[in-house]
Amino acid sequence: MILIALVAFAAIWLIRKFRGGSQRTQQPAYAGAGNAGGMGHGAEPILREQTPSPAPASNPVMPAAGAAAVAADAVAPQPWGVPADFDTEAFLRNAKVHFVRLQAAWDAGNLDDIREFTTPEMFAEIKMDLSERGAEVNKTDVVTLEAQLLGIESSPSQHLASVRFSGMIRERAGEAAQPFGEVWNLAKPVSGTGGWLLAGIQQES
């Protein structure tokens, strides 16, 4: 009887020890997350392992060659056929003067000035237009004027330059200025001392 009682006592002691250890291991590792000392309701468990966020990729560095190509694309295209030693700035400045003087000569019907700045073929066309205009008074006010050299083409006998004129122009007194755009073809002989003369006008649509 004593032996049986000792065996039963040992069995009860072992069962209680086993149950106590099992309860301790079932307790969650983040049990303190909702406590007053934690992060509050709905917060993530304070002992949860945080996965590090991937480092943001740095902006790619453009190679020097690529940057130069982009810069080159942003630059306005070089006019075709223009010699390296050609003084474009002086040429366009004179072209603007010729534009204003020819416009004034057209308004006044001054054939002498028109002949001075045009080729014989162009002069004949302008003279015909003036005769068709008759006695109608024409007064043109060039409000703003811009000139752009589009290119130069050369042949054995002459150089031909294309200049685009644009800006604001007023054709009648009291009217609002209107934008305009047209391309003038200027011709100059290869030999001799002749200057640039108006050889043709192309109106932009």
Protein backbone atom coordinates (compact mmCIF):
# COMPACT_ATOMS: atom_id res chain seq x y z
CA MET A 1 0.00 0.00 0.00
CA ILE A 2 2.80 2.43 0.85
CA LEU A 3 4.55 1.61 -2.43
CA ILE A 4 1.36 2.24 -4.41
CA ALA A 5 0.85 5.58 -2.65
CA LEU A 6 4.39 6.70 -3.49
CA VAL A 7 3.95 5.78 -7.16
CA ALA A 8 0.65 7.70 -7.32
CA PHE A 9 2.19 10.75 -5.64
CA ALA A 10 5.13 10.72 -8.07
CA ALA A 11 2.75 10.45 -11.05
CA ILE A 12 0.66 13.43 -9.83
CA TRP A 13 3.84 15.48 -9.28
CA LEU A 14 5.08 14.73 -12.78
CA ILE A 15 1.71 15.63 -14.37
CA ARG A 16 1.58 19.02 -12.58
CA LYS A 17 5.19 19.84 -13.59
CA PHE A 18 4.49 18.95 -17.22
CA ARG A 19 1.34 21.12 -17.32
CA GLY A 20 3.10 24.12 -15.76
CA GLY A 21 5.94 24.08 -18.32
CA SER A 22 3.47 23.71 -21.18
CA GLN A 23 1.52 26.83 -20.14
CA ARG A 24 4.68 28.94 -20.03
CA THR A 25 5.73 27.98 -23.55
CA GLN A 26 2.29 28.82 -24.98
CA GLN A 27 2.51 32.47 -23.94
CA PRO A 28 3.04 34.76 -27.02
CA ALA A 29 6.36 36.51 -27.31
CA TYR A 30 4.64 39.90 -27.87
CA ALA A 31 2.20 39.70 -24.95
CA GLY A 32 3.18 43.19 -23.75
CA ALA A 33 2.26 44.92 -27.02
CA GLY A 34 -1.13 46.11 -25.78
CA ASN A 35 0.00 47.23 -22.36
CA ALA A 36 0.07 50.83 -21.24
CA GLY A 37 3.79 50.85 -21.72
CA GLY A 38 3.43 49.53 -25.31
CA MET A 39 2.47 51.30 -28.54
CA GLY A 40 -1.26 51.30 -27.95
CA HIS A 41 -4.24 49.57 -29.52
CA GLY A 42 -3.67 48.11 -32.96
CA ALA A 43 0.07 48.58 -32.88
CA GLU A 44 2.42 46.01 -34.29
CA PRO A 45 4.01 43.60 -31.77
CA ILE A 46 7.04 45.29 -30.31
CA LEU A 47 9.11 42.14 -30.53
CA ARG A 48 8.23 41.27 -34.13
CA GLU A 49 11.25 41.14 -36.37
CA GLN A 50 11.14 44.06 -38.78
CA THR A 51 12.20 43.38 -42.35
CA PRO A 52 14.52 46.16 -43.42
CA SER A 53 13.13 48.24 -46.28
CA PRO A 54 15.19 48.13 -49.45
CA ALA A 55 17.37 51.18 -49.92
CA PRO A 56 15.98 53.53 -52.57
CA ALA A 57 17.79 53.26 -55.85
CA SER A 58 19.92 56.29 -56.56
CA ASN A 59 19.20 58.35 -59.66
CA PRO A 60 21.12 57.00 -62.62
CA VAL A 61 24.04 59.15 -63.62
CA MET A 62 24.02 59.99 -67.33
CA PRO A 63 27.32 59.34 -69.04
CA ALA A 64 29.14 62.37 -70.32
CA ALA A 65 28.57 61.29 -73.92
CA GLY A 66 24.83 60.96 -73.33
CA ALA A 67 24.60 64.37 -71.68
CA ALA A 68 26.43 65.94 -74.58
CA ALA A 69 24.03 64.33 -77.03
CA VAL A 70 21.01 65.70 -75.17
CA ALA A 71 22.56 69.17 -75.09
CA ALA A 72 23.28 68.97 -78.80
CA ASP A 73 19.65 68.05 -79.53
CA ALA A 74 18.47 71.11 -77.61
CA VAL A 75 20.58 73.46 -79.72
CA ALA A 76 18.92 74.96 -82.77
CA PRO A 77 19.97 73.27 -86.02
CA GLN A 78 22.84 74.88 -87.90
CA PRO A 79 21.73 76.55 -91.17
CA TRP A 80 22.76 74.49 -94.18
CA GLY A 81 25.55 75.63 -96.46
CA VAL A 82 26.74 78.53 -94.29
CA PRO A 83 30.55 78.96 -94.45
CA ALA A 84 32.39 78.87 -91.15
CA ASP A 85 33.67 82.44 -91.56
CA PHE A 86 30.30 83.88 -92.61
CA ASP A 87 29.18 86.85 -90.47
CA THR A 88 25.58 85.79 -89.89
CA GLU A 89 24.83 88.57 -87.41
CA ALA A 90 25.88 91.37 -89.78
CA PHE A 91 24.10 89.69 -92.69
CA LEU A 92 20.78 89.50 -90.81
CA ARG A 93 21.14 93.08 -89.57
CA ASN A 94 21.48 94.30 -93.17
CA ALA A 95 18.65 92.02 -94.25
CA LYS A 96 16.31 93.72 -91.76
CA VAL A 97 17.30 97.13 -93.12
CA HIS A 98 16.56 95.98 -96.66
CA PHE A 99 13.20 94.59 -95.55
CA VAL A 100 12.09 97.91 -94.00
CA ARG A 101 13.40 100.00 -96.93
CA LEU A 102 11.73 97.80 -99.53
CA GLN A 103 8.46 97.91 -97.60
CA ALA A 104 8.64 101.72 -97.50
CA ALA A 105 9.48 101.83 -101.23
CA TRP A 106 6.47 99.61 -101.96
CA ASP A 107 4.17 101.87 -99.94
CA ALA A 108 5.47 104.97 -101.73
CA GLY A 109 5.63 103.31 -105.15
CA ASN A 110 9.29 104.30 -105.38
CA LEU A 111 10.59 102.26 -108.33
CA ASP A 112 14.14 103.58 -107.99
CA ASP A 113 14.57 102.15 -104.48
CA ILE A 114 12.88 98.91 -105.48
CA ARG A 115 15.23 98.49 -108.45
CA GLU A 116 18.25 99.05 -106.16
CA PHE A 117 17.37 96.12 -103.88
CA THR A 118 15.89 93.58 -106.31
CA THR A 119 17.02 91.39 -109.18
CA PRO A 120 15.73 92.37 -112.65
CA GLU A 121 13.20 89.54 -112.63
CA MET A 122 11.88 90.46 -109.18
CA PHE A 123 11.76 94.14 -110.09
CA ALA A 124 9.59 93.36 -113.12
CA GLU A 125 7.09 91.47 -110.94
CA ILE A 126 6.92 94.21 -108.30
CA LYS A 127 6.51 96.89 -110.98
CA MET A 128 3.57 94.96 -112.42
CA ASP A 129 1.96 94.66 -108.99
CA LEU A 130 2.36 98.40 -108.42
CA SER A 131 0.67 99.18 -111.72
CA GLU A 132 -2.26 96.96 -110.75
CA ARG A 133 -2.52 98.68 -107.36
CA GLY A 134 -3.07 102.03 -109.04
CA ALA A 135 -3.56 105.07 -106.85
CA GLU A 136 -4.48 103.13 -103.72
CA VAL A 137 -2.64 104.45 -100.69
CA ASN A 138 -0.65 101.84 -98.79
CA LYS A 139 1.01 102.47 -95.41
CA THR A 140 2.78 99.60 -93.68
CA ASP A 141 4.07 99.86 -90.12
CA VAL A 142 6.62 97.20 -89.13
CA VAL A 143 6.01 96.89 -85.40
CA THR A 144 8.43 94.05 -84.66
CA LEU A 145 10.80 92.22 -86.97
CA GLU A 146 12.86 89.06 -86.53
CA ALA A 147 15.17 87.48 -89.11
CA GLN A 148 16.53 83.92 -89.25
CA LEU A 149 19.06 82.62 -91.77
CA LEU A 150 17.77 79.27 -93.02
CA GLY A 151 20.72 78.46 -95.26
CA ILE A 152 22.91 79.37 -98.20
CA GLU A 153 23.13 77.54 -101.51
CA SER A 154 25.88 78.24 -104.01
CA SER A 155 26.08 77.67 -107.76
CA PRO A 156 28.87 78.51 -110.22
CA SER A 157 27.31 81.91 -110.90
CA GLN A 158 25.63 83.04 -107.66
CA HIS A 159 24.96 82.49 -103.95
CA LEU A 160 21.35 82.13 -102.81
CA ALA A 161 20.43 82.78 -99.15
CA SER A 162 17.05 82.03 -97.60
CA VAL A 163 15.97 84.32 -94.75
CA ARG A 164 12.79 83.92 -92.75
CA PHE A 165 11.23 87.18 -91.59
CA SER A 166 8.58 87.18 -88.89
CA GLY A 167 7.02 89.61 -86.42
CA MET A 168 4.08 91.97 -86.15
CA ILE A 169 2.98 94.29 -88.95
CA ARG A 170 0.23 96.88 -89.38
CA GLU A 171 -0.95 97.50 -92.96
CA ARG A 172 -3.49 100.25 -92.34
CA ALA A 173 -3.58 103.10 -89.83
CA GLY A 174 -5.84 102.45 -86.87
CA GLU A 175 -5.83 98.66 -87.30
CA ALA A 176 -4.30 96.21 -84.87
CA ALA A 177 -0.92 94.74 -85.75
CA GLN A 178 -1.02 91.22 -87.17
CA PRO A 179 1.60 88.47 -87.08
CA PHE A 180 3.30 87.59 -90.36
CA GLY A 181 5.90 85.18 -91.66
CA GLU A 182 7.59 84.94 -95.04
CA VAL A 183 10.82 83.68 -96.55
CA TRP A 184 12.95 85.96 -98.73
CA ASN A 185 15.43 84.50 -101.20
CA LEU A 186 18.43 86.81 -101.61
CA ALA A 187 20.86 86.38 -104.48
CA LYS A 188 24.44 87.56 -104.84
CA PRO A 189 26.82 86.96 -107.78
CA VAL A 190 29.87 84.82 -107.09
CA SER A 191 32.19 87.25 -108.87
CA GLY A 192 32.14 91.04 -108.78
CA THR A 193 31.19 93.52 -106.09
CA GLY A 194 27.41 93.20 -106.28
CA GLY A 195 25.51 92.88 -103.01
CA TRP A 196 22.56 90.75 -101.94
CA LEU A 197 19.36 91.41 -103.94
CA LEU A 198 15.82 90.21 -103.41
CA ALA A 199 15.13 87.37 -105.87
CA GLY A 200 11.86 85.96 -104.53
CA ILE A 201 9.32 85.92 -101.68
CA GLN A 202 7.51 82.90 -100.27
CA GLN A 203 4.50 83.62 -98.07
CA GLU A 204 3.93 81.27 -95.15
CA SER A 205 0.44 79.87 -94.75
